Amino acid sequence: MSDKSAEKGLLNETKYLDANVLQKLRKPLPTATRQGRGGQVFEYIPTKFVSDRLNDIWGIDWHLEIMSEIIEKGHVVVKVRIHYPKQDGTYGFKDAYGGAKYEDAVGLGDCLKKSASLALKKAATLLGIDLREEEPTPATDEQKQIIATLMKQLGNELTPELAQKLNEMPADEADALIEVLKEQLSK
């Protein structure tokens, strides 16, 4: 799968990056897995894998700079800049933003870290790093059954159109819908 933003960034940078660097940037990163709600397993690319790839390519000659942090209306946004060495001895850079919803339970530091991590990944794609889009995990049969049961209890019919949407629904959206339906049922 190709990332269009990475391709655009790559077209502008090929005159500054040698073929060896480009080949290393384009090499797909490994993935890791984590447990989600309902026993689901999610595949993702940890930020450490991205920074490790940049370290493998440029060692200590690249660095990440936090350009700005905005904390407003329950959201945190961080702008980062990746500085990387070019063949002519100068440095190039790529900027990107990352954001997260601020949750008191998680803490401001963790929200800033998450936002910076997302920004680093986005900036890395502008250099050509392949972050393959993470495809959402589909809703489980159990989630679909719970939704159908709750809808029936609320007096709603499961139409063919609704059943189709349910079959295409990601697991995280199914979890959210279940919570909404349960809340409606408790009123």
Protein backbone atom coordinates (compact mmCIF):
# COMPACT_ATOMS: atom_id res chain seq x y z
CA MET A 1 0.00 0.00 0.00
CA SER A 2 1.41 3.39 -0.86
CA ASP A 3 1.08 6.62 1.07
CA LYS A 4 0.51 9.58 -1.28
CA SER A 5 2.02 12.11 1.16
CA ALA A 6 5.16 9.98 1.38
CA GLU A 7 5.35 9.82 -2.42
CA LYS A 8 5.02 13.62 -2.71
CA GLY A 9 7.71 14.15 -0.09
CA LEU A 10 9.92 11.61 -1.81
CA LEU A 11 9.62 13.31 -5.20
CA ASN A 12 10.92 16.54 -3.72
CA GLU A 13 13.74 14.88 -1.79
CA THR A 14 15.23 12.41 -4.26
CA LYS A 15 17.84 14.95 -5.37
CA TYR A 16 18.97 15.29 -1.74
CA LEU A 17 18.87 11.65 -0.63
CA ASP A 18 21.05 8.95 -2.15
CA ALA A 19 19.59 5.68 -3.44
CA ASN A 20 20.76 3.77 -0.35
CA VAL A 21 18.88 6.14 1.98
CA LEU A 22 15.76 6.02 -0.18
CA GLN A 23 15.82 2.22 -0.19
CA LYS A 24 16.12 2.13 3.62
CA LEU A 25 13.30 4.65 4.04
CA ARG A 26 10.97 2.70 1.76
CA LYS A 27 11.58 -0.66 3.46
CA PRO A 28 8.36 -1.58 5.32
CA LEU A 29 8.56 -1.34 9.09
CA PRO A 30 7.74 -4.28 11.32
CA THR A 31 4.51 -4.22 13.28
CA ALA A 32 3.56 -5.01 16.85
CA THR A 33 0.24 -6.07 18.37
CA ARG A 34 -1.70 -4.98 21.42
CA GLN A 35 -4.81 -6.20 23.17
CA GLY A 36 -7.96 -4.17 22.77
CA ARG A 37 -11.40 -4.30 24.31
CA GLY A 38 -13.40 -7.46 23.87
CA GLY A 39 -10.28 -9.60 23.45
CA GLN A 40 -9.47 -8.05 20.09
CA VAL A 41 -5.89 -7.78 18.87
CA PHE A 42 -4.71 -4.65 17.06
CA GLU A 43 -1.69 -4.43 14.79
CA TYR A 44 0.24 -1.15 14.74
CA ILE A 45 3.66 0.37 14.13
CA PRO A 46 5.20 1.67 17.37
CA THR A 47 6.86 5.07 17.27
CA LYS A 48 10.07 3.44 18.50
CA PHE A 49 10.25 1.47 15.24
CA VAL A 50 10.10 4.75 13.29
CA SER A 51 12.83 6.42 15.35
CA ASP A 52 14.92 3.22 15.18
CA ARG A 53 14.67 3.34 11.37
CA LEU A 54 15.83 6.97 11.35
CA ASN A 55 18.69 6.03 13.70
CA ASP A 56 19.66 3.14 11.39
CA ILE A 57 19.80 5.52 8.43
CA TRP A 58 21.39 8.63 9.95
CA GLY A 59 22.63 7.64 13.41
CA ILE A 60 22.89 10.75 15.58
CA ASP A 61 22.82 13.07 12.56
CA TRP A 62 19.03 13.43 12.59
CA HIS A 63 16.97 14.95 15.36
CA LEU A 64 13.42 15.80 16.34
CA GLU A 65 12.44 19.27 17.45
CA ILE A 66 9.17 20.16 19.18
CA MET A 67 8.08 23.33 17.41
CA SER A 68 4.90 24.06 19.37
CA GLU A 69 2.35 22.63 21.77
CA ILE A 70 -1.26 23.78 21.95
CA ILE A 71 -3.58 22.69 24.74
CA GLU A 72 -7.08 23.94 24.09
CA LYS A 73 -10.69 22.83 24.45
CA GLY A 74 -9.86 19.31 25.57
CA HIS A 75 -7.31 18.65 22.82
CA VAL A 76 -3.54 18.64 22.62
CA VAL A 77 -1.74 19.43 19.36
CA VAL A 78 2.02 19.17 18.89
CA LYS A 79 4.01 20.36 15.88
CA VAL A 80 7.36 18.62 15.33
CA ARG A 81 10.21 19.02 12.90
CA ILE A 82 12.53 16.22 11.79
CA HIS A 83 15.97 17.54 10.80
CA TYR A 84 17.93 15.18 8.54
CA PRO A 85 21.30 15.44 6.76
CA LYS A 86 21.34 15.93 3.01
CA GLN A 87 24.06 14.83 0.59
CA ASP A 88 25.33 18.38 0.16
CA GLY A 89 26.19 18.63 3.88
CA THR A 90 23.24 20.81 4.82
CA TYR A 91 20.13 19.77 6.73
CA GLY A 92 16.62 19.42 5.44
CA PHE A 93 13.50 19.22 7.55
CA LYS A 94 9.94 17.95 7.52
CA ASP A 95 7.19 19.34 9.77
CA ALA A 96 4.00 17.64 10.87
CA TYR A 97 1.26 17.91 13.49
CA GLY A 98 -0.12 15.28 15.82
CA GLY A 99 -3.07 15.54 18.16
CA ALA A 100 -4.84 13.74 20.96
CA LYS A 101 -7.87 14.27 23.11
CA TYR A 102 -6.85 15.48 26.57
CA GLU A 103 -8.16 13.20 29.27
CA ASP A 104 -7.51 14.02 32.95
CA ALA A 105 -7.36 10.33 33.79
CA VAL A 106 -4.50 9.78 31.34
CA GLY A 107 -2.62 12.95 32.19
CA LEU A 108 -1.30 15.88 30.21
CA GLY A 109 2.19 14.41 29.83
CA ASP A 110 0.87 11.25 28.19
CA CYS A 111 -1.37 13.28 25.85
CA LEU A 112 1.61 15.41 24.81
CA LYS A 113 3.69 12.27 24.26
CA LYS A 114 0.96 10.68 22.13
CA SER A 115 0.58 13.84 20.06
CA ALA A 116 4.34 14.14 19.51
CA SER A 117 4.54 10.45 18.56
CA LEU A 118 1.80 10.85 15.98
CA ALA A 119 3.50 13.96 14.61
CA LEU A 120 6.83 12.13 14.35
CA LYS A 121 5.18 9.33 12.39
CA LYS A 122 3.51 11.82 10.04
CA ALA A 123 6.76 13.73 9.46
CA ALA A 124 8.55 10.43 8.80
CA THR A 125 6.03 9.58 6.07
CA LEU A 126 6.96 12.85 4.37
CA LEU A 127 10.51 11.53 4.18
CA GLY A 128 9.24 8.31 2.58
CA ILE A 129 8.96 5.93 5.52
CA ASP A 130 6.28 3.35 4.80
CA LEU A 131 3.75 3.34 7.64
CA ARG A 132 1.09 1.34 5.82
CA GLU A 133 -2.27 2.60 6.91
CA GLU A 134 -3.49 0.68 9.88
CA GLU A 135 -6.76 -0.91 8.87
CA PRO A 136 -9.41 -0.90 11.55
CA THR A 137 -10.30 -4.22 13.11
CA PRO A 138 -13.83 -5.24 12.03
CA ALA A 139 -16.58 -5.66 14.60
CA THR A 140 -16.83 -9.15 16.03
CA ASP A 141 -19.88 -11.37 15.62
CA GLU A 142 -20.45 -10.97 19.35
CA GLN A 143 -20.51 -7.16 19.05
CA LYS A 144 -22.94 -7.36 16.11
CA GLN A 145 -25.22 -9.68 18.09
CA ILE A 146 -25.17 -7.35 21.12
CA ILE A 147 -26.05 -4.37 18.91
CA ALA A 148 -28.90 -6.28 17.23
CA THR A 149 -30.27 -7.40 20.62
CA LEU A 150 -30.07 -3.90 22.12
CA MET A 151 -31.75 -2.37 19.07
CA LYS A 152 -34.55 -4.92 19.31
CA GLN A 153 -34.98 -4.12 23.03
CA LEU A 154 -35.25 -0.44 22.08
CA GLY A 155 -37.95 -1.30 19.52
CA ASN A 156 -35.80 -0.71 16.45
CA GLU A 157 -35.85 -3.07 13.51
CA LEU A 158 -32.58 -4.24 11.99
CA THR A 159 -33.13 -3.27 8.35
CA PRO A 160 -30.97 -4.68 5.55
CA GLU A 161 -29.27 -1.28 5.21
CA LEU A 162 -28.50 -1.23 8.94
CA ALA A 163 -27.25 -4.82 8.82
CA GLN A 164 -24.90 -3.87 5.96
CA LYS A 165 -23.54 -0.91 7.95
CA LEU A 166 -23.08 -3.18 10.94
CA ASN A 167 -21.09 -5.66 8.81
CA GLU A 168 -18.77 -2.85 7.67
CA MET A 169 -18.41 -1.28 11.13
CA PRO A 170 -14.99 -1.22 12.84
CA ALA A 171 -14.76 -2.75 16.33
CA ASP A 172 -14.12 0.56 18.09
CA GLU A 173 -17.25 2.10 16.54
CA ALA A 174 -19.22 -1.01 17.53
CA ASP A 175 -18.06 -0.58 21.14
CA ALA A 176 -19.15 3.06 21.10
CA LEU A 177 -22.55 2.16 19.61
CA ILE A 178 -23.07 -0.52 22.25
CA GLU A 179 -22.43 2.05 24.98
CA VAL A 180 -24.90 4.52 23.40
CA LEU A 181 -27.58 1.83 23.02
CA LYS A 182 -27.09 0.66 26.62
CA GLU A 183 -27.40 4.26 27.81
CA GLN A 184 -30.63 4.71 25.83
CA LEU A 185 -31.97 1.46 27.27
CA SER A 186 -31.24 2.57 30.85
CA LYS A 187 -33.31 5.77 30.48
